[in-house]
Amino acid sequence: MSAYVSNGLSDGRPVHVSRVGRMHYVDDAAWNAEAYAVTGHPGIAWRVWGLETEPDEDTEWSGFENLTGNVVAVMVGDDRPHTFAPDELVPLEREAYCGGLRSGRVHA
């Protein structure tokens, strides 16, 4: 699905908006760490998928979606998306967590 993101993120060009269930997001190169720790979720490593977007009442005909200000992330080893405020995420070094299937545990 292509859409325009109304805050100028796409520089006026269509960007690919990915969709998982009811959650929409766009890639953002600024979130380039392999994994992140999230405040309030100790011991879990998270991968950022992108910036959350949401359609509005005009999206069907305009093609525009709006950024919510949140980041879409999944636990390492899982595929269920969650949203977080950007200031809740802290980059992790690769050695700081186990990236195995269904693991995603941060080393103490």
PDB file of N, CA and C in Angstrom:
ATOM      1  N   MET A   1       0.846  -1.162   0.000  1.00  0.00           N
ATOM      2  CA  MET A   1       0.000   0.000   0.000  1.00  0.00           C
ATOM      3  C   MET A   1       0.896   1.230   0.000  1.00  0.00           C
ATOM      4  N   SER A   2       0.698   2.141  -0.906  1.00  0.00           N
ATOM      5  CA  SER A   2       1.435   3.401  -0.916  1.00  0.00           C
ATOM      6  C   SER A   2       0.533   4.508  -0.400  1.00  0.00           C
ATOM      7  N   ALA A   3       1.123   5.407   0.323  1.00  0.00           N
ATOM      8  CA  ALA A   3       0.366   6.529   0.868  1.00  0.00           C
ATOM      9  C   ALA A   3       1.325   7.684   1.054  1.00  0.00           C
ATOM     10  N   TYR A   4       0.801   8.840   1.286  1.00  0.00           N
ATOM     11  CA  TYR A   4       1.604   9.997   1.622  1.00  0.00           C
ATOM     12  C   TYR A   4       1.503  10.194   3.125  1.00  0.00           C
ATOM     13  N   VAL A   5       2.614  10.568   3.724  1.00  0.00           N
ATOM     14  CA  VAL A   5       2.604  10.880   5.146  1.00  0.00           C
ATOM     15  C   VAL A   5       2.599  12.393   5.248  1.00  0.00           C
ATOM     16  N   SER A   6       1.626  12.938   5.947  1.00  0.00           N
ATOM     17  CA  SER A   6       1.332  14.365   5.875  1.00  0.00           C
ATOM     18  C   SER A   6       2.327  15.292   6.552  1.00  0.00           C
ATOM     19  N   ASN A   7       3.323  14.801   7.277  1.00  0.00           N
ATOM     20  CA  ASN A   7       4.241  15.715   7.951  1.00  0.00           C
ATOM     21  C   ASN A   7       5.504  16.002   7.149  1.00  0.00           C
ATOM     22  N   GLY A   8       5.573  15.570   5.900  1.00  0.00           N
ATOM     23  CA  GLY A   8       6.742  15.827   5.076  1.00  0.00           C
ATOM     24  C   GLY A   8       7.791  14.748   5.158  1.00  0.00           C
ATOM     25  N   LEU A   9       7.573  13.685   5.918  1.00  0.00           N
ATOM     26  CA  LEU A   9       8.530  12.593   6.023  1.00  0.00           C
ATOM     27  C   LEU A   9       8.888  12.043   4.652  1.00  0.00           C
ATOM     28  N   SER A  10       7.900  11.979   3.761  1.00  0.00           N
ATOM     29  CA  SER A  10       8.138  11.385   2.443  1.00  0.00           C
ATOM     30  C   SER A  10       8.580  12.405   1.409  1.00  0.00           C
ATOM     31  N   ASP A  11       8.827  13.656   1.810  1.00  0.00           N
ATOM     32  CA  ASP A  11       9.234  14.713   0.882  1.00  0.00           C
ATOM     33  C   ASP A  11       8.290  14.831  -0.292  1.00  0.00           C
ATOM     34  N   GLY A  12       7.007  14.598  -0.055  1.00  0.00           N
ATOM     35  CA  GLY A  12       6.020  14.737  -1.108  1.00  0.00           C
ATOM     36  C   GLY A  12       5.901  13.537  -2.017  1.00  0.00           C
ATOM     37  N   ARG A  13       6.737  12.533  -1.822  1.00  0.00           N
ATOM     38  CA  ARG A  13       6.657  11.323  -2.635  1.00  0.00           C
ATOM     39  C   ARG A  13       5.922  10.238  -1.859  1.00  0.00           C
ATOM     40  N   PRO A  14       5.263   9.319  -2.569  1.00  0.00           N
ATOM     41  CA  PRO A  14       4.602   8.234  -1.838  1.00  0.00           C
ATOM     42  C   PRO A  14       5.634   7.353  -1.132  1.00  0.00           C
ATOM     43  N   VAL A  15       5.297   6.912   0.050  1.00  0.00           N
ATOM     44  CA  VAL A  15       6.138   5.964   0.777  1.00  0.00           C
ATOM     45  C   VAL A  15       5.326   4.710   0.997  1.00  0.00           C
ATOM     46  N   HIS A  16       6.009   3.598   1.166  1.00  0.00           N
ATOM     47  CA  HIS A  16       5.299   2.356   1.406  1.00  0.00           C
ATOM     48  C   HIS A  16       4.844   2.323   2.853  1.00  0.00           C
ATOM     49  N   VAL A  17       3.563   2.183   3.050  1.00  0.00           N
ATOM     50  CA  VAL A  17       3.000   2.046   4.390  1.00  0.00           C
ATOM     51  C   VAL A  17       2.714   0.573   4.604  1.00  0.00           C
ATOM     52  N   SER A  18       3.405  -0.021   5.565  1.00  0.00           N
ATOM     53  CA  SER A  18       3.178  -1.427   5.876  1.00  0.00           C
ATOM     54  C   SER A  18       2.017  -1.530   6.848  1.00  0.00           C
ATOM     55  N   ARG A  19       1.348  -2.645   6.810  1.00  0.00           N
ATOM     56  CA  ARG A  19       0.184  -2.827   7.668  1.00  0.00           C
ATOM     57  C   ARG A  19       0.222  -4.210   8.295  1.00  0.00           C
ATOM     58  N   VAL A  20       0.066  -4.252   9.605  1.00  0.00           N
ATOM     59  CA  VAL A  20      -0.048  -5.500  10.351  1.00  0.00           C
ATOM     60  C   VAL A  20      -1.340  -5.392  11.139  1.00  0.00           C
ATOM     61  N   GLY A  21      -2.350  -6.146  10.732  1.00  0.00           N
ATOM     62  CA  GLY A  21      -3.656  -6.011  11.365  1.00  0.00           C
ATOM     63  C   GLY A  21      -4.162  -4.602  11.180  1.00  0.00           C
ATOM     64  N   ARG A  22      -4.455  -3.926  12.256  1.00  0.00           N
ATOM     65  CA  ARG A  22      -4.923  -2.542  12.185  1.00  0.00           C
ATOM     66  C   ARG A  22      -3.800  -1.527  12.345  1.00  0.00           C
ATOM     67  N   MET A  23      -2.577  -2.003  12.561  1.00  0.00           N
ATOM     68  CA  MET A  23      -1.460  -1.108  12.786  1.00  0.00           C
ATOM     69  C   MET A  23      -0.749  -0.792  11.470  1.00  0.00           C
ATOM     70  N   HIS A  24      -0.510   0.492  11.209  1.00  0.00           N
ATOM     71  CA  HIS A  24       0.187   0.949  10.013  1.00  0.00           C
ATOM     72  C   HIS A  24       1.501   1.581  10.450  1.00  0.00           C
ATOM     73  N   TYR A  25       2.537   1.434   9.622  1.00  0.00           N
ATOM     74  CA  TYR A  25       3.806   2.085   9.932  1.00  0.00           C
ATOM     75  C   TYR A  25       4.614   2.317   8.671  1.00  0.00           C
ATOM     76  N   VAL A  26       5.548   3.256   8.750  1.00  0.00           N
ATOM     77  CA  VAL A  26       6.481   3.534   7.662  1.00  0.00           C
ATOM     78  C   VAL A  26       7.892   3.340   8.193  1.00  0.00           C
ATOM     79  N   ASP A  27       8.782   2.865   7.318  1.00  0.00           N
ATOM     80  CA  ASP A  27      10.180   2.709   7.697  1.00  0.00           C
ATOM     81  C   ASP A  27      10.788   4.061   8.010  1.00  0.00           C
ATOM     82  N   ASP A  28      11.725   4.084   8.938  1.00  0.00           N
ATOM     83  CA  ASP A  28      12.452   5.300   9.259  1.00  0.00           C
ATOM     84  C   ASP A  28      13.899   4.918   9.543  1.00  0.00           C
ATOM     85  N   ALA A  29      14.804   5.386   8.718  1.00  0.00           N
ATOM     86  CA  ALA A  29      16.214   5.027   8.826  1.00  0.00           C
ATOM     87  C   ALA A  29      16.852   5.489  10.133  1.00  0.00           C
ATOM     88  N   ALA A  30      16.235   6.408  10.834  1.00  0.00           N
ATOM     89  CA  ALA A  30      16.801   6.902  12.091  1.00  0.00           C
ATOM     90  C   ALA A  30      16.837   5.823  13.161  1.00  0.00           C
ATOM     91  N   TRP A  31      15.973   4.830  13.046  1.00  0.00           N
ATOM     92  CA  TRP A  31      15.932   3.737  14.024  1.00  0.00           C
ATOM     93  C   TRP A  31      16.780   2.586  13.491  1.00  0.00           C
ATOM     94  N   ASN A  32      18.110   2.767  13.509  1.00  0.00           N
ATOM     95  CA  ASN A  32      18.997   1.830  12.841  1.00  0.00           C
ATOM     96  C   ASN A  32      19.735   0.864  13.747  1.00  0.00           C
ATOM     97  N   ALA A  33      19.501   0.915  15.043  1.00  0.00           N
ATOM     98  CA  ALA A  33      20.131  -0.069  15.930  1.00  0.00           C
ATOM     99  C   ALA A  33      19.482  -1.425  15.692  1.00  0.00           C
ATOM    100  N   GLU A  34      20.242  -2.475  15.908  1.00  0.00           N
ATOM    101  CA  GLU A  34      19.704  -3.815  15.697  1.00  0.00           C
ATOM    102  C   GLU A  34      18.617  -4.156  16.710  1.00  0.00           C
ATOM    103  N   ALA A  35      18.727  -3.612  17.922  1.00  0.00           N
ATOM    104  CA  ALA A  35      17.715  -3.857  18.951  1.00  0.00           C
ATOM    105  C   ALA A  35      17.722  -2.716  19.961  1.00  0.00           C
ATOM    106  N   TYR A  36      16.628  -2.644  20.716  1.00  0.00           N
ATOM    107  CA  TYR A  36      16.449  -1.587  21.703  1.00  0.00           C
ATOM    108  C   TYR A  36      15.918  -2.177  23.003  1.00  0.00           C
ATOM    109  N   ALA A  37      16.228  -1.508  24.115  1.00  0.00           N
ATOM    110  CA  ALA A  37      15.574  -1.789  25.389  1.00  0.00           C
ATOM    111  C   ALA A  37      14.450  -0.768  25.511  1.00  0.00           C
ATOM    112  N   VAL A  38      13.365  -1.156  26.176  1.00  0.00           N
ATOM    113  CA  VAL A  38      12.223  -0.261  26.341  1.00  0.00           C
ATOM    114  C   VAL A  38      11.964  -0.054  27.831  1.00  0.00           C
ATOM    115  N   THR A  39      11.842   1.195  28.228  1.00  0.00           N
ATOM    116  CA  THR A  39      11.533   1.541  29.606  1.00  0.00           C
ATOM    117  C   THR A  39      10.250   0.834  30.035  1.00  0.00           C
ATOM    118  N   GLY A  40      10.284   0.202  31.185  1.00  0.00           N
ATOM    119  CA  GLY A  40       9.101  -0.482  31.697  1.00  0.00           C
ATOM    120  C   GLY A  40       8.983  -1.928  31.242  1.00  0.00           C
ATOM    121  N   HIS A  41       9.891  -2.381  30.382  1.00  0.00           N
ATOM    122  CA  HIS A  41       9.903  -3.773  29.908  1.00  0.00           C
ATOM    123  C   HIS A  41      11.307  -4.340  30.101  1.00  0.00           C
ATOM    124  N   PRO A  42      11.736  -4.530  31.359  1.00  0.00           N
ATOM    125  CA  PRO A  42      13.101  -4.976  31.622  1.00  0.00           C
ATOM    126  C   PRO A  42      13.360  -6.389  31.101  1.00  0.00           C
ATOM    127  N   GLY A  43      14.583  -6.588  30.632  1.00  0.00           N
ATOM    128  CA  GLY A  43      14.999  -7.921  30.204  1.00  0.00           C
ATOM    129  C   GLY A  43      14.532  -8.327  28.826  1.00  0.00           C
ATOM    130  N   ILE A  44      13.916  -7.430  28.052  1.00  0.00           N
ATOM    131  CA  ILE A  44      13.409  -7.775  26.722  1.00  0.00           C
ATOM    132  C   ILE A  44      14.066  -6.873  25.688  1.00  0.00           C
ATOM    133  N   ALA A  45      14.528  -7.476  24.594  1.00  0.00           N
ATOM    134  CA  ALA A  45      15.082  -6.711  23.472  1.00  0.00           C
ATOM    135  C   ALA A  45      13.982  -6.533  22.424  1.00  0.00           C
ATOM    136  N   TRP A  46      13.948  -5.369  21.790  1.00  0.00           N
ATOM    137  CA  TRP A  46      12.912  -5.024  20.813  1.00  0.00           C
ATOM    138  C   TRP A  46      13.544  -4.592  19.499  1.00  0.00           C
ATOM    139  N   ARG A  47      12.911  -4.918  18.383  1.00  0.00           N
ATOM    140  CA  ARG A  47      13.309  -4.430  17.061  1.00  0.00           C
ATOM    141  C   ARG A  47      12.280  -3.411  16.589  1.00  0.00           C
ATOM    142  N   VAL A  48      12.758  -2.285  16.097  1.00  0.00           N
ATOM    143  CA  VAL A  48      11.860  -1.233  15.608  1.00  0.00           C
ATOM    144  C   VAL A  48      11.526  -1.497  14.151  1.00  0.00           C
ATOM    145  N   TRP A  49      10.236  -1.515  13.840  1.00  0.00           N
ATOM    146  CA  TRP A  49       9.778  -1.665  12.458  1.00  0.00           C
ATOM    147  C   TRP A  49       9.663  -0.315  11.777  1.00  0.00           C
ATOM    148  N   GLY A  50       9.270   0.717  12.504  1.00  0.00           N
ATOM    149  CA  GLY A  50       9.132   2.038  11.892  1.00  0.00           C
ATOM    150  C   GLY A  50       8.252   2.955  12.712  1.00  0.00           C
ATOM    151  N   LEU A  51       7.837   4.046  12.087  1.00  0.00           N
ATOM    152  CA  LEU A  51       6.986   5.041  12.733  1.00  0.00           C
ATOM    153  C   LEU A  51       5.523   4.712  12.478  1.00  0.00           C
ATOM    154  N   GLU A  52       4.730   4.746  13.534  1.00  0.00           N
ATOM    155  CA  GLU A  52       3.312   4.424  13.403  1.00  0.00           C
ATOM    156  C   GLU A  52       2.573   5.519  12.640  1.00  0.00           C
ATOM    157  N   THR A  53       1.718   5.109  11.716  1.00  0.00           N
ATOM    158  CA  THR A  53       0.832   6.037  11.019  1.00  0.00           C
ATOM    159  C   THR A  53      -0.596   5.581  11.243  1.00  0.00           C
ATOM    160  N   GLU A  54      -1.511   6.504  11.022  1.00  0.00           N
ATOM    161  CA  GLU A  54      -2.923   6.128  11.106  1.00  0.00           C
ATOM    162  C   GLU A  54      -3.694   6.866  10.024  1.00  0.00           C
ATOM    163  N   PRO A  55      -4.605   6.163   9.385  1.00  0.00           N
ATOM    164  CA  PRO A  55      -5.443   6.821   8.395  1.00  0.00           C
ATOM    165  C   PRO A  55      -6.430   7.749   9.092  1.00  0.00           C
ATOM    166  N   ASP A  56      -6.893   8.755   8.381  1.00  0.00           N
ATOM    167  CA  ASP A  56      -7.949   9.602   8.913  1.00  0.00           C
ATOM    168  C   ASP A  56      -9.183   9.441   8.035  1.00  0.00           C
ATOM    169  N   GLU A  57     -10.179  10.259   8.259  1.00  0.00           N
ATOM    170  CA  GLU A  57     -11.440  10.097   7.526  1.00  0.00           C
ATOM    171  C   GLU A  57     -11.291  10.344   6.029  1.00  0.00           C
ATOM    172  N   ASP A  58     -10.206  11.007   5.612  1.00  0.00           N
ATOM    173  CA  ASP A  58     -10.011  11.323   4.197  1.00  0.00           C
ATOM    174  C   ASP A  58      -8.991  10.427   3.502  1.00  0.00           C
ATOM    175  N   THR A  59      -8.345   9.525   4.214  1.00  0.00           N
ATOM    176  CA  THR A  59      -7.259   8.728   3.646  1.00  0.00           C
ATOM    177  C   THR A  59      -7.684   7.941   2.416  1.00  0.00           C
ATOM    178  N   GLU A  60      -8.884   7.417   2.413  1.00  0.00           N
ATOM    179  CA  GLU A  60      -9.335   6.591   1.290  1.00  0.00           C
ATOM    180  C   GLU A  60      -9.260   7.340  -0.035  1.00  0.00           C
ATOM    181  N   TRP A  61      -9.592   8.602  -0.051  1.00  0.00           N
ATOM    182  CA  TRP A  61      -9.531   9.349  -1.312  1.00  0.00           C
ATOM    183  C   TRP A  61      -8.280  10.209  -1.443  1.00  0.00           C
ATOM    184  N   SER A  62      -7.664  10.628  -0.306  1.00  0.00           N
ATOM    185  CA  SER A  62      -6.489  11.501  -0.383  1.00  0.00           C
ATOM    186  C   SER A  62      -5.183  10.724  -0.456  1.00  0.00           C
ATOM    187  N   GLY A  63      -5.154   9.528   0.136  1.00  0.00           N
ATOM    188  CA  GLY A  63      -3.918   8.763   0.205  1.00  0.00           C
ATOM    189  C   GLY A  63      -2.999   9.195   1.328  1.00  0.00           C
ATOM    190  N   PHE A  64      -3.395  10.193   2.123  1.00  0.00           N
ATOM    191  CA  PHE A  64      -2.560  10.681   3.216  1.00  0.00           C
ATOM    192  C   PHE A  64      -2.852   9.924   4.503  1.00  0.00           C
ATOM    193  N   GLU A  65      -1.781   9.612   5.238  1.00  0.00           N
ATOM    194  CA  GLU A  65      -1.888   9.087   6.592  1.00  0.00           C
ATOM    195  C   GLU A  65      -1.100  10.011   7.496  1.00  0.00           C
ATOM    196  N   ASN A  66      -1.377   9.976   8.771  1.00  0.00           N
ATOM    197  CA  ASN A  66      -0.738  10.864   9.739  1.00  0.00           C
ATOM    198  C   ASN A  66       0.147  10.075  10.694  1.00  0.00           C
ATOM    199  N   LEU A  67       1.307  10.639  11.001  1.00  0.00           N
ATOM    200  CA  LEU A  67       2.170  10.029  12.011  1.00  0.00           C
ATOM    201  C   LEU A  67       1.547  10.229  13.385  1.00  0.00           C
ATOM    202  N   THR A  68       1.616   9.197  14.224  1.00  0.00           N
ATOM    203  CA  THR A  68       1.057   9.293  15.570  1.00  0.00           C
ATOM    204  C   THR A  68       2.071   9.811  16.581  1.00  0.00           C
ATOM    205  N   GLY A  69       3.351   9.772  16.223  1.00  0.00           N
ATOM    206  CA  GLY A  69       4.399  10.135  17.170  1.00  0.00           C
ATOM    207  C   GLY A  69       4.970   8.935  17.889  1.00  0.00           C
ATOM    208  N   ASN A  70       4.399   7.747  17.645  1.00  0.00           N
ATOM    209  CA  ASN A  70       4.875   6.526  18.277  1.00  0.00           C
ATOM    210  C   ASN A  70       5.715   5.694  17.314  1.00  0.00           C
ATOM    211  N   VAL A  71       6.444   4.739  17.881  1.00  0.00           N
ATOM    212  CA  VAL A  71       7.279   3.816  17.136  1.00  0.00           C
ATOM    213  C   VAL A  71       6.653   2.426  17.253  1.00  0.00           C
ATOM    214  N   VAL A  72       6.637   1.676  16.145  1.00  0.00           N
ATOM    215  CA  VAL A  72       6.143   0.299  16.155  1.00  0.00           C
ATOM    216  C   VAL A  72       7.346  -0.621  16.331  1.00  0.00           C
ATOM    217  N   ALA A  73       7.277  -1.503  17.321  1.00  0.00           N
ATOM    218  CA  ALA A  73       8.379  -2.425  17.603  1.00  0.00           C
ATOM    219  C   ALA A  73       7.828  -3.802  17.969  1.00  0.00           C
ATOM    220  N   VAL A  74       8.677  -4.811  17.782  1.00  0.00           N
ATOM    221  CA  VAL A  74       8.334  -6.179  18.165  1.00  0.00           C
ATOM    222  C   VAL A  74       9.439  -6.729  19.053  1.00  0.00           C
ATOM    223  N   MET A  75       9.072  -7.633  19.961  1.00  0.00           N
ATOM    224  CA  MET A  75      10.082  -8.301  20.768  1.00  0.00           C
ATOM    225  C   MET A  75      10.938  -9.154  19.841  1.00  0.00           C
ATOM    226  N   VAL A  76      12.251  -9.179  20.085  1.00  0.00           N
ATOM    227  CA  VAL A  76      13.136 -10.037  19.305  1.00  0.00           C
ATOM    228  C   VAL A  76      12.660 -11.471  19.479  1.00  0.00           C
ATOM    229  N   GLY A  77      12.466 -12.171  18.367  1.00  0.00           N
ATOM    230  CA  GLY A  77      11.981 -13.548  18.414  1.00  0.00           C
ATOM    231  C   GLY A  77      10.474 -13.654  18.349  1.00  0.00           C
ATOM    232  N   ASP A  78       9.770 -12.532  18.211  1.00  0.00           N
ATOM    233  CA  ASP A  78       8.311 -12.527  18.161  1.00  0.00           C
ATOM    234  C   ASP A  78       7.880 -11.705  16.952  1.00  0.00           C
ATOM    235  N   ASP A  79       6.590 -11.668  16.688  1.00  0.00           N
ATOM    236  CA  ASP A  79       6.117 -10.879  15.550  1.00  0.00           C
ATOM    237  C   ASP A  79       4.872 -10.060  15.861  1.00  0.00           C
ATOM    238  N   ARG A  80       4.518  -9.945  17.137  1.00  0.00           N
ATOM    239  CA  ARG A  80       3.352  -9.138  17.506  1.00  0.00           C
ATOM    240  C   ARG A  80       3.773  -7.700  17.747  1.00  0.00           C
ATOM    241  N   PRO A  81       3.244  -6.752  16.978  1.00  0.00           N
ATOM    242  CA  PRO A  81       3.679  -5.366  17.114  1.00  0.00           C
ATOM    243  C   PRO A  81       3.112  -4.675  18.359  1.00  0.00           C
ATOM    244  N   HIS A  82       3.920  -3.769  18.893  1.00  0.00           N
ATOM    245  CA  HIS A  82       3.556  -2.921  20.025  1.00  0.00           C
ATOM    246  C   HIS A  82       3.970  -1.505  19.668  1.00  0.00           C
ATOM    247  N   THR A  83       3.375  -0.513  20.306  1.00  0.00           N
ATOM    248  CA  THR A  83       3.786   0.869  20.069  1.00  0.00           C
ATOM    249  C   THR A  83       4.364   1.468  21.341  1.00  0.00           C
ATOM    250  N   PHE A  84       5.366   2.330  21.132  1.00  0.00           N
ATOM    251  CA  PHE A  84       6.036   2.997  22.235  1.00  0.00           C
ATOM    252  C   PHE A  84       6.339   4.435  21.845  1.00  0.00           C
ATOM    253  N   ALA A  85       6.459   5.287  22.843  1.00  0.00           N
ATOM    254  CA  ALA A  85       6.949   6.647  22.608  1.00  0.00           C
ATOM    255  C   ALA A  85       8.437   6.547  22.304  1.00  0.00           C
ATOM    256  N   PRO A  86       8.954   7.338  21.383  1.00  0.00           N
ATOM    257  CA  PRO A  86      10.368   7.243  21.019  1.00  0.00           C
ATOM    258  C   PRO A  86      11.333   7.401  22.190  1.00  0.00           C
ATOM    259  N   ASP A  87      10.984   8.214  23.178  1.00  0.00           N
ATOM    260  CA  ASP A  87      11.898   8.416  24.300  1.00  0.00           C
ATOM    261  C   ASP A  87      11.946   7.242  25.269  1.00  0.00           C
ATOM    262  N   GLU A  88      11.136   6.215  25.045  1.00  0.00           N
ATOM    263  CA  GLU A  88      11.165   5.008  25.874  1.00  0.00           C
ATOM    264  C   GLU A  88      12.212   4.006  25.388  1.00  0.00           C
ATOM    265  N   LEU A  89      12.773   4.210  24.189  1.00  0.00           N
ATOM    266  CA  LEU A  89      13.696   3.249  23.594  1.00  0.00           C
ATOM    267  C   LEU A  89      15.148   3.670  23.748  1.00  0.00           C
ATOM    268  N   VAL A  90      15.990   2.686  24.085  1.00  0.00           N
ATOM    269  CA  VAL A  90      17.428   2.901  24.236  1.00  0.00           C
ATOM    270  C   VAL A  90      18.134   1.842  23.396  1.00  0.00           C
ATOM    271  N   PRO A  91      19.054   2.244  22.488  1.00  0.00           N
ATOM    272  CA  PRO A  91      19.750   1.256  21.647  1.00  0.00           C
ATOM    273  C   PRO A  91      20.547   0.258  22.483  1.00  0.00           C
ATOM    274  N   LEU A  92      20.578  -0.998  22.022  1.00  0.00           N
ATOM    275  CA  LEU A  92      21.361  -2.054  22.667  1.00  0.00           C
ATOM    276  C   LEU A  92      22.487  -2.498  21.742  1.00  0.00           C
ATOM    277  N   GLU A  93      23.623  -2.802  22.323  1.00  0.00           N
ATOM    278  CA  GLU A  93      24.704  -3.429  21.571  1.00  0.00           C
ATOM    279  C   GLU A  93      24.328  -4.886  21.324  1.00  0.00           C
ATOM    280  N   ARG A  94      24.797  -5.455  20.238  1.00  0.00           N
ATOM    281  CA  ARG A  94      24.445  -6.841  19.882  1.00  0.00           C
ATOM    282  C   ARG A  94      24.805  -7.826  20.994  1.00  0.00           C
ATOM    283  N   GLU A  95      25.888  -7.584  21.680  1.00  0.00           N
ATOM    284  CA  GLU A  95      26.330  -8.493  22.742  1.00  0.00           C
ATOM    285  C   GLU A  95      25.424  -8.434  23.970  1.00  0.00           C
ATOM    286  N   ALA A  96      24.543  -7.452  24.044  1.00  0.00           N
ATOM    287  CA  ALA A  96      23.719  -7.234  25.230  1.00  0.00           C
ATOM    288  C   ALA A  96      22.461  -8.087  25.274  1.00  0.00           C
ATOM    289  N   TYR A  97      22.148  -8.802  24.195  1.00  0.00           N
ATOM    290  CA  TYR A  97      20.924  -9.597  24.198  1.00  0.00           C
ATOM    291  C   TYR A  97      21.102 -10.870  23.388  1.00  0.00           C
ATOM    292  N   CYS A  98      20.229 -11.844  23.662  1.00  0.00           N
ATOM    293  CA  CYS A  98      20.204 -13.105  22.934  1.00  0.00           C
ATOM    294  C   CYS A  98      19.142 -12.964  21.851  1.00  0.00           C
ATOM    295  N   GLY A  99      19.520 -13.139  20.603  1.00  0.00           N
ATOM    296  CA  GLY A  99      18.590 -12.929  19.499  1.00  0.00           C
ATOM    297  C   GLY A  99      17.979 -14.191  18.960  1.00  0.00           C
ATOM    298  N   GLY A 100      17.991 -15.270  19.710  1.00  0.00           N
ATOM    299  CA  GLY A 100      17.435 -16.527  19.241  1.00  0.00           C
ATOM    300  C   GLY A 100      15.926 -16.501  19.144  1.00  0.00           C
ATOM    301  N   LEU A 101      15.398 -17.451  18.424  1.00  0.00           N
ATOM    302  CA  LEU A 101      13.944 -17.574  18.245  1.00  0.00           C
ATOM    303  C   LEU A 101      13.260 -17.652  19.606  1.00  0.00           C
ATOM    304  N   ARG A 102      12.261 -16.801  19.801  1.00  0.00           N
ATOM    305  CA  ARG A 102      11.460 -16.734  21.037  1.00  0.00           C
ATOM    306  C   ARG A 102      12.312 -16.434  22.259  1.00  0.00           C
ATOM    307  N   SER A 103      13.449 -15.813  22.067  1.00  0.00           N
ATOM    308  CA  SER A 103      14.278 -15.474  23.217  1.00  0.00           C
ATOM    309  C   SER A 103      14.216 -13.978  23.459  1.00  0.00           C
ATOM    310  N   GLY A 104      15.047 -13.215  22.774  1.00  0.00           N
ATOM    311  CA  GLY A 104      15.048 -11.776  22.907  1.00  0.00           C
ATOM    312  C   GLY A 104      15.372 -11.278  24.303  1.00  0.00           C
ATOM    313  N   ARG A 105      16.061 -12.073  25.087  1.00  0.00           N
ATOM    314  CA  ARG A 105      16.377 -11.684  26.462  1.00  0.00           C
ATOM    315  C   ARG A 105      17.627 -10.830  26.512  1.00  0.00           C
ATOM    316  N   VAL A 106      17.567  -9.788  27.325  1.00  0.00           N
ATOM    317  CA  VAL A 106      18.695  -8.910  27.528  1.00  0.00           C
ATOM    318  C   VAL A 106      19.570  -9.536  28.598  1.00  0.00           C
ATOM    319  N   HIS A 107      20.888  -9.576  28.336  1.00  0.00           N
ATOM    320  CA  HIS A 107      21.836 -10.121  29.312  1.00  0.00           C
ATOM    321  C   HIS A 107      22.031  -9.117  30.445  1.00  0.00           C
ATOM    322  N   ALA A 108      22.041  -9.625  31.643  1.00  0.00           N
ATOM    323  CA  ALA A 108      22.224  -8.742  32.816  1.00  0.00           C
ATOM    324  C   ALA A 108      23.673  -8.362  32.974  1.00  0.00           C
TER     325      ALA A 108
END
